[in-house]
Amino acid sequence: MANHKSAAKRARQSIVKNERNATTKKAIRTVEKKLRAAITSNSADEAKTLLQTFTSKIGKAAQKGILHKNNASRKISRLSKSFAQMGK
């Protein structure tokens, strides 16, 4: 337990941030899962919209520091590559 008023406040803030980050990560994982399914099933229109959504969400998460920027970039790159090879 926190011994100082400022430490107690910091503990409360970390709980709120942890919940917010967890929901953001969960949303990213959900979109990624749907995108991978769309790419596997060769539905180009759905995959295109999901790729745009995924890129937006993961980019914002990287900006906010929820994910590392290289991690976000790597995921975007790999999924974009698999989307591009989908029709071939």
C-alpha atoms as a PDB file:
ATOM      1  CA  MET A   1       0.000   0.000   0.000  1.00  0.00           C
ATOM      2  CA  ALA A   2       1.138   3.532  -0.692  1.00  0.00           C
ATOM      3  CA  ASN A   3       2.624   5.486   2.198  1.00  0.00           C
ATOM      4  CA  HIS A   4       2.283   8.964   0.683  1.00  0.00           C
ATOM      5  CA  LYS A   5      -0.577  10.857  -0.845  1.00  0.00           C
ATOM      6  CA  SER A   6       1.296  11.219  -4.154  1.00  0.00           C
ATOM      7  CA  ALA A   7       2.100   7.504  -4.235  1.00  0.00           C
ATOM      8  CA  ALA A   8      -1.565   6.653  -3.703  1.00  0.00           C
ATOM      9  CA  LYS A   9      -2.526   8.943  -6.568  1.00  0.00           C
ATOM     10  CA  ARG A  10       0.108   7.340  -8.791  1.00  0.00           C
ATOM     11  CA  ALA A  11      -1.308   3.898  -7.940  1.00  0.00           C
ATOM     12  CA  ARG A  12      -4.823   5.027  -8.881  1.00  0.00           C
ATOM     13  CA  GLN A  13      -3.566   6.502 -12.144  1.00  0.00           C
ATOM     14  CA  SER A  14      -1.707   3.320 -13.060  1.00  0.00           C
ATOM     15  CA  ILE A  15      -4.864   1.265 -12.556  1.00  0.00           C
ATOM     16  CA  VAL A  16      -6.833   3.536 -14.894  1.00  0.00           C
ATOM     17  CA  LYS A  17      -4.072   3.535 -17.516  1.00  0.00           C
ATOM     18  CA  ASN A  18      -3.709  -0.229 -17.291  1.00  0.00           C
ATOM     19  CA  GLU A  19      -7.429  -0.719 -17.987  1.00  0.00           C
ATOM     20  CA  ARG A  20      -7.372   1.757 -20.872  1.00  0.00           C
ATOM     21  CA  ASN A  21      -4.310   0.105 -22.423  1.00  0.00           C
ATOM     22  CA  ALA A  22      -5.838  -3.348 -22.024  1.00  0.00           C
ATOM     23  CA  THR A  23      -9.010  -2.353 -23.882  1.00  0.00           C
ATOM     24  CA  THR A  24      -6.959  -0.789 -26.683  1.00  0.00           C
ATOM     25  CA  LYS A  25      -4.799  -3.904 -27.026  1.00  0.00           C
ATOM     26  CA  LYS A  26      -7.891  -6.110 -27.030  1.00  0.00           C
ATOM     27  CA  ALA A  27      -9.469  -4.037 -29.824  1.00  0.00           C
ATOM     28  CA  ILE A  28      -6.275  -4.304 -31.865  1.00  0.00           C
ATOM     29  CA  ARG A  29      -6.125  -8.075 -31.403  1.00  0.00           C
ATOM     30  CA  THR A  30      -9.776  -8.411 -32.433  1.00  0.00           C
ATOM     31  CA  VAL A  31      -9.289  -6.427 -35.646  1.00  0.00           C
ATOM     32  CA  GLU A  32      -6.081  -8.334 -36.400  1.00  0.00           C
ATOM     33  CA  LYS A  33      -7.900 -11.655 -35.970  1.00  0.00           C
ATOM     34  CA  LYS A  34     -10.730 -10.544 -38.289  1.00  0.00           C
ATOM     35  CA  LEU A  35      -8.206  -9.268 -40.847  1.00  0.00           C
ATOM     36  CA  ARG A  36      -6.292 -12.559 -40.856  1.00  0.00           C
ATOM     37  CA  ALA A  37      -9.578 -14.426 -41.343  1.00  0.00           C
ATOM     38  CA  ALA A  38     -10.564 -12.136 -44.228  1.00  0.00           C
ATOM     39  CA  ILE A  39      -7.181 -12.616 -45.901  1.00  0.00           C
ATOM     40  CA  THR A  40      -7.452 -16.397 -45.490  1.00  0.00           C
ATOM     41  CA  SER A  41     -10.939 -16.435 -47.004  1.00  0.00           C
ATOM     42  CA  ASN A  42      -9.843 -14.164 -49.915  1.00  0.00           C
ATOM     43  CA  SER A  43     -12.531 -11.508 -49.308  1.00  0.00           C
ATOM     44  CA  ALA A  44     -10.674  -8.478 -50.689  1.00  0.00           C
ATOM     45  CA  ASP A  45     -13.203  -5.749 -49.881  1.00  0.00           C
ATOM     46  CA  GLU A  46     -13.550  -6.747 -46.251  1.00  0.00           C
ATOM     47  CA  ALA A  47      -9.795  -7.217 -45.894  1.00  0.00           C
ATOM     48  CA  LYS A  48      -9.111  -3.769 -47.341  1.00  0.00           C
ATOM     49  CA  THR A  49     -11.395  -1.998 -44.868  1.00  0.00           C
ATOM     50  CA  LEU A  50     -10.072  -4.077 -41.977  1.00  0.00           C
ATOM     51  CA  LEU A  51      -6.483  -3.315 -42.975  1.00  0.00           C
ATOM     52  CA  GLN A  52      -7.246   0.419 -42.899  1.00  0.00           C
ATOM     53  CA  THR A  53      -8.910   0.068 -39.493  1.00  0.00           C
ATOM     54  CA  PHE A  54      -6.055  -2.047 -38.160  1.00  0.00           C
ATOM     55  CA  THR A  55      -3.415   0.396 -39.417  1.00  0.00           C
ATOM     56  CA  SER A  56      -5.234   3.300 -37.806  1.00  0.00           C
ATOM     57  CA  LYS A  57      -5.748   1.610 -34.446  1.00  0.00           C
ATOM     58  CA  ILE A  58      -2.248   0.220 -34.135  1.00  0.00           C
ATOM     59  CA  GLY A  59      -0.690   3.509 -35.262  1.00  0.00           C
ATOM     60  CA  LYS A  60      -2.572   5.421 -32.590  1.00  0.00           C
ATOM     61  CA  ALA A  61      -1.579   2.859 -29.974  1.00  0.00           C
ATOM     62  CA  ALA A  62       2.078   3.230 -30.960  1.00  0.00           C
ATOM     63  CA  GLN A  63       1.799   7.020 -30.755  1.00  0.00           C
ATOM     64  CA  LYS A  64       0.377   6.793 -27.258  1.00  0.00           C
ATOM     65  CA  GLY A  65       3.100   4.377 -26.159  1.00  0.00           C
ATOM     66  CA  ILE A  66       0.802   1.417 -25.652  1.00  0.00           C
ATOM     67  CA  LEU A  67       2.810  -0.575 -28.188  1.00  0.00           C
ATOM     68  CA  HIS A  68       6.391  -0.061 -29.292  1.00  0.00           C
ATOM     69  CA  LYS A  69       6.586   1.745 -32.628  1.00  0.00           C
ATOM     70  CA  ASN A  70       8.729  -0.982 -34.214  1.00  0.00           C
ATOM     71  CA  ASN A  71       6.276  -3.643 -33.074  1.00  0.00           C
ATOM     72  CA  ALA A  72       3.401  -1.714 -34.656  1.00  0.00           C
ATOM     73  CA  SER A  73       5.356  -1.120 -37.831  1.00  0.00           C
ATOM     74  CA  ARG A  74       6.298  -4.796 -38.112  1.00  0.00           C
ATOM     75  CA  LYS A  75       2.698  -5.943 -37.713  1.00  0.00           C
ATOM     76  CA  ILE A  76       1.435  -3.423 -40.274  1.00  0.00           C
ATOM     77  CA  SER A  77       4.146  -4.466 -42.713  1.00  0.00           C
ATOM     78  CA  ARG A  78       3.500  -8.186 -42.392  1.00  0.00           C
ATOM     79  CA  LEU A  79      -0.264  -7.898 -42.707  1.00  0.00           C
ATOM     80  CA  SER A  80       0.015  -5.482 -45.635  1.00  0.00           C
ATOM     81  CA  LYS A  81       2.333  -7.928 -47.373  1.00  0.00           C
ATOM     82  CA  SER A  82      -0.054 -10.830 -46.848  1.00  0.00           C
ATOM     83  CA  PHE A  83      -2.935  -8.658 -48.096  1.00  0.00           C
ATOM     84  CA  ALA A  84      -0.975  -7.782 -51.234  1.00  0.00           C
ATOM     85  CA  GLN A  85      -0.218 -11.461 -51.894  1.00  0.00           C
ATOM     86  CA  MET A  86      -3.817 -12.477 -51.255  1.00  0.00           C
ATOM     87  CA  GLY A  87      -4.955 -12.289 -54.866  1.00  0.00           C
ATOM     88  CA  LYS A  88      -1.923 -14.102 -56.244  1.00  0.00           C
END
